[in-house]
Amino acid sequence: MNSISFGKLYYELLKDDLSKSSIILFTLLASNSMQKGYAYGTNKYYAEMLNCTTRTISNLIRELESKNYLSITNPKSFRRKIYVRSEFLTK
């Protein structure tokens, strides 16, 4: 049986000339951030979720970070924490 999940679409992202893949990844990161306040999955995990390569995930994260939608602590570590801008984490 397939599981269906829904994510919140952030219209602000549509106005900022982001790729569709970046918006989808952002939605996934925001969803994963709800419990602990940050996302902590590996690029491999997100690549498997989005059916793409880890390089693609790296590029998408870099794009989101350059536009200040994300901040990352310990970016080169397996213990990195990806923080989504706080105004996007309201329930």
C-alpha atoms as a PDB file:
ATOM      1  CA  MET A   1       0.000   0.000   0.000  1.00  0.00           C
ATOM      2  CA  ASN A   2       1.374   3.418  -0.963  1.00  0.00           C
ATOM      3  CA  SER A   3       1.576   6.180   1.581  1.00  0.00           C
ATOM      4  CA  ILE A   4       0.439   9.640   0.504  1.00  0.00           C
ATOM      5  CA  SER A   5       1.934  12.687   2.147  1.00  0.00           C
ATOM      6  CA  PHE A   6       1.198  16.334   1.596  1.00  0.00           C
ATOM      7  CA  GLY A   7       3.446  19.347   1.919  1.00  0.00           C
ATOM      8  CA  LYS A   8       2.596  22.987   2.273  1.00  0.00           C
ATOM      9  CA  LEU A   9       3.286  25.089  -0.816  1.00  0.00           C
ATOM     10  CA  TYR A  10       5.067  28.332  -0.015  1.00  0.00           C
ATOM     11  CA  TYR A  11       3.958  30.925  -2.549  1.00  0.00           C
ATOM     12  CA  GLU A  12       6.861  33.221  -1.631  1.00  0.00           C
ATOM     13  CA  LEU A  13       9.191  30.692  -3.243  1.00  0.00           C
ATOM     14  CA  LEU A  14       7.331  30.882  -6.536  1.00  0.00           C
ATOM     15  CA  LYS A  15       8.088  34.610  -6.757  1.00  0.00           C
ATOM     16  CA  ASP A  16      11.834  34.130  -6.226  1.00  0.00           C
ATOM     17  CA  ASP A  17      12.728  32.370  -9.484  1.00  0.00           C
ATOM     18  CA  LEU A  18      13.548  29.057  -7.800  1.00  0.00           C
ATOM     19  CA  SER A  19      13.449  25.803  -9.709  1.00  0.00           C
ATOM     20  CA  LYS A  20      10.539  23.453  -9.098  1.00  0.00           C
ATOM     21  CA  SER A  21      12.992  20.942  -7.651  1.00  0.00           C
ATOM     22  CA  SER A  22      14.244  23.526  -5.138  1.00  0.00           C
ATOM     23  CA  ILE A  23      10.698  24.260  -4.052  1.00  0.00           C
ATOM     24  CA  ILE A  24       9.939  20.562  -3.611  1.00  0.00           C
ATOM     25  CA  LEU A  25      13.141  20.025  -1.615  1.00  0.00           C
ATOM     26  CA  PHE A  26      12.378  23.094   0.504  1.00  0.00           C
ATOM     27  CA  THR A  27       8.918  21.698   1.260  1.00  0.00           C
ATOM     28  CA  LEU A  28      10.467  18.374   2.293  1.00  0.00           C
ATOM     29  CA  LEU A  29      13.071  20.109   4.487  1.00  0.00           C
ATOM     30  CA  ALA A  30      10.417  22.300   6.108  1.00  0.00           C
ATOM     31  CA  SER A  31       8.287  19.243   6.823  1.00  0.00           C
ATOM     32  CA  ASN A  32      11.263  17.396   8.322  1.00  0.00           C
ATOM     33  CA  SER A  33      12.082  20.468  10.434  1.00  0.00           C
ATOM     34  CA  MET A  34       8.742  20.537  12.230  1.00  0.00           C
ATOM     35  CA  GLN A  35       9.683  18.044  14.959  1.00  0.00           C
ATOM     36  CA  LYS A  36      13.168  19.168  16.012  1.00  0.00           C
ATOM     37  CA  GLY A  37      13.365  22.615  14.449  1.00  0.00           C
ATOM     38  CA  TYR A  38      15.874  21.474  11.836  1.00  0.00           C
ATOM     39  CA  ALA A  39      16.224  18.845   9.118  1.00  0.00           C
ATOM     40  CA  TYR A  40      19.031  16.339   9.443  1.00  0.00           C
ATOM     41  CA  GLY A  41      18.763  13.905   6.532  1.00  0.00           C
ATOM     42  CA  THR A  42      21.709  13.151   4.292  1.00  0.00           C
ATOM     43  CA  ASN A  43      21.894  14.153   0.657  1.00  0.00           C
ATOM     44  CA  LYS A  44      21.499  10.470  -0.177  1.00  0.00           C
ATOM     45  CA  TYR A  45      18.245  10.324   1.784  1.00  0.00           C
ATOM     46  CA  TYR A  46      16.821  13.383   0.024  1.00  0.00           C
ATOM     47  CA  ALA A  47      18.054  12.129  -3.365  1.00  0.00           C
ATOM     48  CA  GLU A  48      16.200   8.861  -2.832  1.00  0.00           C
ATOM     49  CA  MET A  49      13.064  10.724  -1.765  1.00  0.00           C
ATOM     50  CA  LEU A  50      13.159  12.955  -4.856  1.00  0.00           C
ATOM     51  CA  ASN A  51      14.550  10.338  -7.268  1.00  0.00           C
ATOM     52  CA  CYS A  52      17.617  12.345  -8.247  1.00  0.00           C
ATOM     53  CA  THR A  53      21.361  12.368  -7.579  1.00  0.00           C
ATOM     54  CA  THR A  54      23.156  13.542  -4.447  1.00  0.00           C
ATOM     55  CA  ARG A  55      24.885  16.170  -6.594  1.00  0.00           C
ATOM     56  CA  THR A  56      21.482  17.556  -7.550  1.00  0.00           C
ATOM     57  CA  ILE A  57      20.534  17.761  -3.865  1.00  0.00           C
ATOM     58  CA  SER A  58      23.799  19.591  -3.110  1.00  0.00           C
ATOM     59  CA  ASN A  59      23.073  22.098  -5.857  1.00  0.00           C
ATOM     60  CA  LEU A  60      19.484  22.615  -4.695  1.00  0.00           C
ATOM     61  CA  ILE A  61      20.551  23.123  -1.087  1.00  0.00           C
ATOM     62  CA  ARG A  62      23.219  25.590  -2.239  1.00  0.00           C
ATOM     63  CA  GLU A  63      20.581  27.496  -4.238  1.00  0.00           C
ATOM     64  CA  LEU A  64      18.201  27.665  -1.262  1.00  0.00           C
ATOM     65  CA  GLU A  65      21.009  28.673   1.090  1.00  0.00           C
ATOM     66  CA  SER A  66      22.247  31.414  -1.266  1.00  0.00           C
ATOM     67  CA  LYS A  67      18.759  32.951  -1.262  1.00  0.00           C
ATOM     68  CA  ASN A  68      18.644  32.742   2.556  1.00  0.00           C
ATOM     69  CA  TYR A  69      15.830  30.208   2.764  1.00  0.00           C
ATOM     70  CA  LEU A  70      18.124  27.807   4.655  1.00  0.00           C
ATOM     71  CA  SER A  71      21.074  27.977   6.992  1.00  0.00           C
ATOM     72  CA  ILE A  72      23.277  25.007   7.754  1.00  0.00           C
ATOM     73  CA  THR A  73      25.481  24.196  10.724  1.00  0.00           C
ATOM     74  CA  ASN A  74      28.329  21.736  10.187  1.00  0.00           C
ATOM     75  CA  PRO A  75      27.724  21.597   6.416  1.00  0.00           C
ATOM     76  CA  LYS A  76      30.501  19.068   5.746  1.00  0.00           C
ATOM     77  CA  SER A  77      29.586  16.776   8.649  1.00  0.00           C
ATOM     78  CA  PHE A  78      27.178  13.856   8.833  1.00  0.00           C
ATOM     79  CA  ARG A  79      25.769  15.725  11.862  1.00  0.00           C
ATOM     80  CA  ARG A  80      24.765  18.784   9.896  1.00  0.00           C
ATOM     81  CA  LYS A  81      21.587  20.604  10.776  1.00  0.00           C
ATOM     82  CA  ILE A  82      19.567  22.337   8.090  1.00  0.00           C
ATOM     83  CA  TYR A  83      17.480  25.190   9.445  1.00  0.00           C
ATOM     84  CA  VAL A  84      14.561  26.527   7.440  1.00  0.00           C
ATOM     85  CA  ARG A  85      13.820  30.241   7.833  1.00  0.00           C
ATOM     86  CA  SER A  86      11.583  30.496  10.895  1.00  0.00           C
ATOM     87  CA  GLU A  87       8.609  32.197   9.225  1.00  0.00           C
ATOM     88  CA  PHE A  88       8.109  29.043   7.149  1.00  0.00           C
ATOM     89  CA  LEU A  89       7.834  26.768  10.177  1.00  0.00           C
ATOM     90  CA  THR A  90       4.476  27.939  11.500  1.00  0.00           C
ATOM     91  CA  LYS A  91       1.868  25.231  11.784  1.00  0.00           C
END
